[in-house]
């Protein structure tokens, strides 16, 4: 919900849900982190206000619960059609600019996936408020890229290197090209004839080809990282300066590449700000692989909920037709019949 749609007095009056807000938000956060990435921004923005809950927070939480209630069939989807060596780790990184109206701080968003020619498997997403104030969108994007690569990107790259090594279907390539094989005593660290040069040359792992691709929609950030310098940003404070020089060092590695992606194809945009345009919202959901489930024959419930495997009766026959209350438990009665 856009803060500009709220009344000024809503930010001053205490909210009615202040005592139960934390419980509601944390329960919603559990599912959002697993399969509902589009809920991360509204949940995280509401979680920051738990200690100072207002009527504006009540309205935001009510809007969030209404959306969850009317989209119970939405879930995260993925498709895999390539071998492991043909896939790479792709990190979508984005940030808004001074989205917080009170502290003027930006929000970092990331979306991590394993991508190949016929593969798109979402791994995780994140929404985090930045701890520093940025003077431009370029500065906020720098902080967001550094945070995403440091906390998720490099770890995922190391994991996918191991997966590629174990599950690769390509013929194995020997790392050592010398015809002379070292003697066993030269490879034994406890031997007097141990040769460290031959040991590391013969036992080193084959060259890795797995890459970490950072999808960035800000061309200024990409140019800064390529040049590894910025005279225009020499005024940066310590936090931004450290993030920028850390990006210079990490992105200089040949297997860490930053590529431009159009703003309309930036999946991390879903985790950075409110979106009131229905067409934009639907496009980002489709881009993030968050879709509604298959419809059942009646169209009332998703197919998986209407007739789940392994149950004698479908869930639809265990619910009240009016309020959908679960009446399968022994002794339970529908609230519609309560007097």
Protein backbone atom coordinates (compact mmCIF):
# COMPACT_ATOMS: atom_id res chain seq x y z
CA UNK A 1 0.00 0.00 0.00
CA UNK A 2 1.31 3.41 -0.96
CA UNK A 3 1.92 5.62 2.08
CA UNK A 4 0.56 8.58 0.12
CA UNK A 5 -2.90 6.97 0.20
CA UNK A 6 -2.97 7.11 4.02
CA UNK A 7 -4.17 10.04 6.09
CA UNK A 8 -1.64 12.03 8.17
CA UNK A 9 -3.45 11.18 11.41
CA UNK A 10 -3.06 7.46 10.67
CA UNK A 11 0.67 7.79 11.36
CA UNK A 12 0.02 9.32 14.80
CA UNK A 13 -2.79 7.23 16.29
CA UNK A 14 -1.85 3.87 17.88
CA UNK A 15 -3.05 0.78 16.03
CA UNK A 16 -5.58 -1.77 17.28
CA UNK A 17 -3.42 -4.75 16.27
CA UNK A 18 -0.28 -3.69 18.12
CA UNK A 19 -0.41 -6.67 20.53
CA UNK A 20 -0.91 -9.33 17.83
CA UNK A 21 0.98 -7.80 14.91
CA UNK A 22 4.26 -9.65 15.55
CA UNK A 23 2.56 -13.06 15.60
CA UNK A 24 0.65 -12.40 12.39
CA UNK A 25 3.66 -11.05 10.51
CA UNK A 26 6.03 -13.83 11.54
CA UNK A 27 3.58 -16.53 10.47
CA UNK A 28 3.22 -14.89 7.08
CA UNK A 29 7.00 -14.48 6.78
CA UNK A 30 7.55 -18.24 7.09
CA UNK A 31 5.62 -18.96 3.90
CA UNK A 32 6.91 -15.88 2.10
CA UNK A 33 10.55 -16.96 2.46
CA UNK A 34 9.77 -20.37 0.98
CA UNK A 35 7.36 -19.91 -1.94
CA UNK A 36 5.82 -16.42 -1.88
CA UNK A 37 8.62 -14.00 -2.64
CA UNK A 38 6.21 -11.23 -3.64
CA UNK A 39 5.15 -10.94 0.02
CA UNK A 40 8.63 -10.14 1.33
CA UNK A 41 8.49 -6.37 0.86
CA UNK A 42 5.09 -5.75 2.55
CA UNK A 43 5.94 -8.16 5.36
CA UNK A 44 9.42 -6.74 6.03
CA UNK A 45 8.19 -3.15 5.85
CA UNK A 46 5.47 -3.96 8.40
CA UNK A 47 7.87 -5.89 10.65
CA UNK A 48 9.97 -2.75 11.13
CA UNK A 49 6.98 -1.00 12.71
CA UNK A 50 6.09 -3.63 15.32
CA UNK A 51 7.48 -1.57 18.22
CA UNK A 52 5.71 1.62 17.05
CA UNK A 53 2.48 0.29 15.56
CA UNK A 54 -0.02 2.83 14.22
CA UNK A 55 -3.35 2.82 12.39
CA UNK A 56 -1.43 3.09 9.14
CA UNK A 57 0.21 -0.23 9.99
CA UNK A 58 -3.26 -1.69 10.65
CA UNK A 59 -4.35 -0.74 7.16
CA UNK A 60 -1.18 -2.13 5.57
CA UNK A 61 -1.54 -5.43 7.42
CA UNK A 62 -5.23 -5.70 6.51
CA UNK A 63 -4.37 -5.15 2.85
CA UNK A 64 -1.67 -7.84 3.06
CA UNK A 65 -3.97 -10.39 4.68
CA UNK A 66 -6.66 -9.72 2.07
CA UNK A 67 -4.18 -10.43 -0.70
CA UNK A 68 -3.04 -13.68 0.94
CA UNK A 69 -6.65 -14.75 1.50
CA UNK A 70 -7.55 -14.29 -2.17
CA UNK A 71 -4.38 -15.92 -3.58
CA UNK A 72 -4.10 -19.24 -1.69
CA UNK A 73 -3.19 -21.13 -4.87
CA UNK A 74 -0.13 -19.05 -5.75
CA UNK A 75 3.19 -20.86 -5.43
CA UNK A 76 6.74 -20.85 -6.71
CA UNK A 77 7.45 -22.84 -9.87
CA UNK A 78 10.64 -23.94 -11.60
CA UNK A 79 11.64 -25.96 -14.63
CA UNK A 80 14.85 -27.85 -15.28
CA UNK A 81 15.86 -29.12 -18.72
CA UNK A 82 19.65 -28.90 -18.82
CA UNK A 83 22.65 -30.68 -17.37
CA UNK A 84 24.40 -29.09 -14.42
CA UNK A 85 27.44 -27.91 -16.39
CA UNK A 86 25.19 -25.88 -18.71
CA UNK A 87 23.62 -23.85 -15.89
CA UNK A 88 24.91 -20.83 -14.02
CA UNK A 89 24.02 -18.89 -10.89
CA UNK A 90 22.15 -15.67 -11.72
CA UNK A 91 21.66 -12.99 -9.09
CA UNK A 92 19.12 -10.25 -9.79
CA UNK A 93 19.98 -7.22 -7.69
CA UNK A 94 17.93 -4.03 -7.38
CA UNK A 95 17.19 -1.18 -4.98
CA UNK A 96 14.79 1.71 -4.69
CA UNK A 97 15.85 5.24 -3.85
CA UNK A 98 14.92 6.72 -0.44
CA UNK A 99 11.75 4.64 -0.22
CA UNK A 100 11.50 5.21 3.53
CA UNK A 101 9.64 8.50 3.95
CA UNK A 102 10.84 8.99 7.54
CA UNK A 103 14.54 8.04 7.41
CA UNK A 104 15.07 8.42 3.63
CA UNK A 105 16.81 5.03 3.48
CA UNK A 106 16.62 2.68 0.51
CA UNK A 107 15.65 -0.99 0.33
CA UNK A 108 17.81 -3.72 -1.21
CA UNK A 109 16.21 -6.59 -3.08
CA UNK A 110 17.70 -9.73 -4.60
CA UNK A 111 16.44 -12.75 -6.47
CA UNK A 112 18.71 -15.78 -6.87
CA UNK A 113 18.13 -18.54 -9.42
CA UNK A 114 19.88 -21.32 -11.32
CA UNK A 115 19.51 -20.47 -15.01
CA UNK A 116 20.31 -22.38 -18.18
CA UNK A 117 19.11 -22.54 -21.80
CA UNK A 118 16.07 -24.57 -20.70
CA UNK A 119 16.28 -24.08 -16.93
CA UNK A 120 15.03 -21.53 -14.45
CA UNK A 121 15.04 -22.69 -10.83
CA UNK A 122 14.48 -19.99 -8.17
CA UNK A 123 16.56 -20.50 -5.03
CA UNK A 124 15.88 -17.60 -2.69
CA UNK A 125 14.95 -13.94 -2.49
CA UNK A 126 15.64 -11.20 0.01
CA UNK A 127 14.33 -7.79 1.03
CA UNK A 128 16.44 -5.73 3.41
CA UNK A 129 16.46 -2.10 4.44
CA UNK A 130 19.82 -0.44 3.95
CA UNK A 131 21.62 0.94 6.97
CA UNK A 132 22.98 4.01 5.18
CA UNK A 133 21.40 6.93 3.35
CA UNK A 134 22.21 7.22 -0.37
CA UNK A 135 22.36 10.41 -2.41
CA UNK A 136 21.34 8.74 -5.69
CA UNK A 137 19.92 5.54 -7.10
CA UNK A 138 23.41 4.57 -8.22
CA UNK A 139 24.67 4.62 -4.64
CA UNK A 140 21.73 2.55 -3.40
CA UNK A 141 22.26 0.04 -6.24
CA UNK A 142 25.93 -0.29 -5.24
CA UNK A 143 24.96 -1.13 -1.67
CA UNK A 144 22.32 -3.61 -2.88
CA UNK A 145 24.73 -5.37 -5.26
CA UNK A 146 27.41 -5.69 -2.59
CA UNK A 147 24.96 -7.07 -0.06
CA UNK A 148 23.51 -9.60 -2.51
CA UNK A 149 26.85 -10.88 -3.80
CA UNK A 150 28.38 -11.11 -0.32
CA UNK A 151 25.48 -12.82 1.45
CA UNK A 152 24.01 -15.05 -1.28
CA UNK A 153 25.87 -14.94 -4.58
CA UNK A 154 29.33 -16.20 -3.65
CA UNK A 155 27.93 -18.97 -1.42
CA UNK A 156 25.65 -20.17 -4.22
CA UNK A 157 28.56 -20.11 -6.68
CA UNK A 158 30.68 -22.32 -4.41
CA UNK A 159 27.77 -24.73 -3.98
CA UNK A 160 27.05 -24.93 -7.71
CA UNK A 161 30.73 -25.58 -8.43
CA UNK A 162 30.48 -28.70 -6.27
CA UNK A 163 27.19 -29.72 -7.92
CA UNK A 164 28.73 -29.30 -11.36
CA UNK A 165 31.76 -31.36 -10.37
CA UNK A 166 29.63 -34.21 -9.02
CA UNK A 167 26.76 -34.27 -11.53
CA UNK A 168 28.45 -33.13 -14.71
CA UNK A 169 27.89 -35.41 -17.71
CA UNK A 170 30.82 -33.96 -19.66
CA UNK A 171 33.97 -36.11 -19.90
CA UNK A 172 36.41 -35.38 -17.10
CA UNK A 173 39.44 -33.31 -17.96
CA UNK A 174 42.72 -33.85 -16.20
CA UNK A 175 44.17 -30.80 -14.53
CA UNK A 176 47.78 -31.98 -14.96
CA UNK A 177 49.12 -31.81 -18.50
CA UNK A 178 52.66 -33.09 -17.83
CA UNK A 179 53.49 -36.55 -19.07
CA UNK A 180 55.66 -37.38 -16.03
CA UNK A 181 53.64 -38.56 -13.04
CA UNK A 182 55.18 -37.62 -9.69
CA UNK A 183 56.31 -40.41 -7.40
CA UNK A 184 54.20 -41.31 -4.38
CA UNK A 185 56.84 -40.04 -1.99
CA UNK A 186 56.80 -36.65 -3.72
CA UNK A 187 53.04 -36.35 -3.12
CA UNK A 188 53.21 -37.46 0.51
CA UNK A 189 53.33 -34.37 2.81
CA UNK A 190 55.02 -36.47 5.51
CA UNK A 191 57.85 -37.65 3.27
CA UNK A 192 61.31 -36.09 3.19
CA UNK A 193 61.10 -35.99 -0.62
CA UNK A 194 57.78 -34.12 -0.61
CA UNK A 195 57.66 -31.59 -3.45
CA UNK A 196 55.02 -28.89 -2.82
CA UNK A 197 55.16 -27.62 -6.41
CA UNK A 198 54.49 -31.05 -7.93
CA UNK A 199 51.87 -31.80 -5.27
CA UNK A 200 49.72 -28.75 -5.99
CA UNK A 201 50.29 -28.97 -9.75
CA UNK A 202 49.21 -32.61 -9.93
CA UNK A 203 46.36 -32.58 -7.42
CA UNK A 204 44.72 -29.27 -8.28
CA UNK A 205 41.11 -29.41 -9.39
CA UNK A 206 40.14 -29.03 -13.06
CA UNK A 207 39.33 -25.53 -14.24
CA UNK A 208 35.85 -24.44 -13.25
CA UNK A 209 33.55 -22.88 -15.84
CA UNK A 210 30.58 -22.10 -13.60
CA UNK A 211 29.90 -18.37 -13.41
CA UNK A 212 28.04 -16.00 -11.14
CA UNK A 213 26.09 -13.55 -13.26
CA UNK A 214 24.80 -10.38 -11.58
CA UNK A 215 21.79 -8.98 -13.43
CA UNK A 216 21.87 -5.21 -12.93
CA UNK A 217 19.49 -2.66 -14.47
CA UNK A 218 21.59 0.41 -13.66
CA UNK A 219 24.11 1.04 -16.42
CA UNK A 220 26.06 3.52 -14.28
CA UNK A 221 26.86 0.78 -11.75
CA UNK A 222 28.07 -1.55 -14.51
CA UNK A 223 30.37 1.12 -15.95
CA UNK A 224 31.79 1.87 -12.50
CA UNK A 225 32.58 -1.79 -11.88
CA UNK A 226 34.20 -2.20 -15.31
CA UNK A 227 36.41 0.86 -14.87
CA UNK A 228 37.17 0.00 -11.21
CA UNK A 229 37.22 3.70 -10.40
CA UNK A 230 34.83 6.60 -10.05
CA UNK A 231 35.83 10.23 -9.88
CA UNK A 232 32.19 11.30 -9.74
CA UNK A 233 31.69 9.31 -6.52
CA UNK A 234 34.85 10.35 -4.71
CA UNK A 235 32.66 12.09 -2.12
CA UNK A 236 31.25 8.75 -0.93
CA UNK A 237 31.21 8.11 2.83
CA UNK A 238 32.93 5.09 4.31
CA UNK A 239 30.08 2.57 3.96
CA UNK A 240 29.48 3.26 0.28
CA UNK A 241 33.20 3.49 -0.47
CA UNK A 242 33.91 0.09 1.07
CA UNK A 243 31.02 -1.49 -0.84
CA UNK A 244 32.22 0.02 -4.12
CA UNK A 245 35.85 -1.08 -3.78
CA UNK A 246 34.73 -4.53 -2.65
CA UNK A 247 32.70 -4.79 -5.86
CA UNK A 248 35.79 -3.76 -7.84
CA UNK A 249 37.79 -6.60 -6.32
CA UNK A 250 35.13 -9.32 -6.57
CA UNK A 251 33.94 -8.49 -10.10
CA UNK A 252 37.53 -8.54 -11.38
CA UNK A 253 37.38 -12.34 -11.11
CA UNK A 254 36.69 -13.86 -14.54
CA UNK A 255 33.87 -16.06 -13.21
CA UNK A 256 31.96 -13.17 -11.62
CA UNK A 257 30.26 -11.15 -14.33
CA UNK A 258 27.91 -8.21 -14.14
CA UNK A 259 25.46 -7.92 -17.02
CA UNK A 260 22.80 -5.39 -17.95
CA UNK A 261 19.14 -6.38 -17.76
CA UNK A 262 16.22 -4.19 -18.74
CA UNK A 263 14.20 -2.74 -15.89
CA UNK A 264 11.11 -4.57 -17.13
CA UNK A 265 13.00 -7.87 -16.78
CA UNK A 266 14.40 -7.14 -13.32
CA UNK A 267 12.91 -9.83 -11.06
CA UNK A 268 14.32 -8.22 -7.90
CA UNK A 269 12.11 -5.17 -8.48
CA UNK A 270 9.36 -7.12 -6.74
CA UNK A 271 11.26 -6.96 -3.41
CA UNK A 272 12.11 -3.24 -3.32
CA UNK A 273 8.91 -1.15 -3.39
CA UNK A 274 5.14 -1.07 -3.53
CA UNK A 275 3.56 -1.66 -6.94
CA UNK A 276 0.04 -0.41 -7.58
CA UNK A 277 -0.13 -1.13 -11.31
CA UNK A 278 -1.93 -4.49 -11.87
CA UNK A 279 -0.20 -5.09 -15.21
CA UNK A 280 3.25 -4.47 -13.74
CA UNK A 281 2.44 -6.69 -10.75
CA UNK A 282 1.25 -9.57 -12.94
CA UNK A 283 4.32 -9.24 -15.17
CA UNK A 284 6.71 -9.40 -12.19
CA UNK A 285 4.89 -12.41 -10.75
CA UNK A 286 5.22 -14.21 -14.06
CA UNK A 287 8.86 -13.21 -14.31
CA UNK A 288 9.55 -14.53 -10.80
CA UNK A 289 7.84 -17.86 -11.52
CA UNK A 290 5.06 -17.18 -9.00
CA UNK A 291 1.88 -18.46 -10.55
CA UNK A 292 -1.57 -19.72 -9.61
CA UNK A 293 -2.05 -23.47 -9.36
CA UNK A 294 -3.88 -25.61 -11.89
CA UNK A 295 -7.61 -25.12 -11.74
CA UNK A 296 -9.85 -28.03 -10.82
CA UNK A 297 -12.77 -29.19 -12.98
CA UNK A 298 -15.22 -27.05 -11.02
CA UNK A 299 -12.90 -24.06 -11.01
CA UNK A 300 -13.55 -23.41 -7.31
CA UNK A 301 -10.26 -24.78 -5.94
CA UNK A 302 -6.83 -25.55 -7.38
CA UNK A 303 -6.55 -29.09 -8.67
CA UNK A 304 -3.96 -30.12 -6.04
CA UNK A 305 -6.21 -28.91 -3.22
CA UNK A 306 -9.40 -30.30 -4.73
CA UNK A 307 -8.10 -33.88 -5.01
CA UNK A 308 -4.69 -34.31 -3.33
CA UNK A 309 -3.00 -37.69 -3.72
CA UNK A 310 -3.07 -40.11 -0.81
CA UNK A 311 -6.34 -38.93 0.76
CA UNK A 312 -9.56 -40.92 0.73
CA UNK A 313 -11.69 -37.80 0.30
CA UNK A 314 -10.81 -34.57 -1.47
CA UNK A 315 -10.28 -31.53 0.71
CA UNK A 316 -13.26 -29.83 -0.92
CA UNK A 317 -15.60 -32.38 0.70
CA UNK A 318 -14.08 -31.73 4.13
CA UNK A 319 -14.79 -28.01 4.10
CA UNK A 320 -17.92 -25.98 4.63
CA UNK A 321 -19.28 -24.82 1.28
CA UNK A 322 -19.99 -21.35 2.71
CA UNK A 323 -16.93 -20.36 4.75
CA UNK A 324 -14.53 -23.24 3.81
CA UNK A 325 -13.99 -24.11 7.50
CA UNK A 326 -12.30 -27.49 8.05
CA UNK A 327 -14.92 -29.89 9.44
CA UNK A 328 -12.86 -33.08 9.05
CA UNK A 329 -11.76 -33.14 12.70
CA UNK A 330 -13.96 -35.16 15.01
CA UNK A 331 -16.27 -32.94 17.04
CA UNK A 332 -15.66 -29.85 14.92
CA UNK A 333 -18.58 -27.71 13.78
CA UNK A 334 -18.79 -24.98 11.18
CA UNK A 335 -18.87 -21.38 12.49
CA UNK A 336 -21.91 -20.84 10.24
CA UNK A 337 -23.88 -23.07 12.60
CA UNK A 338 -22.67 -21.46 15.80
CA UNK A 339 -25.46 -19.75 17.69
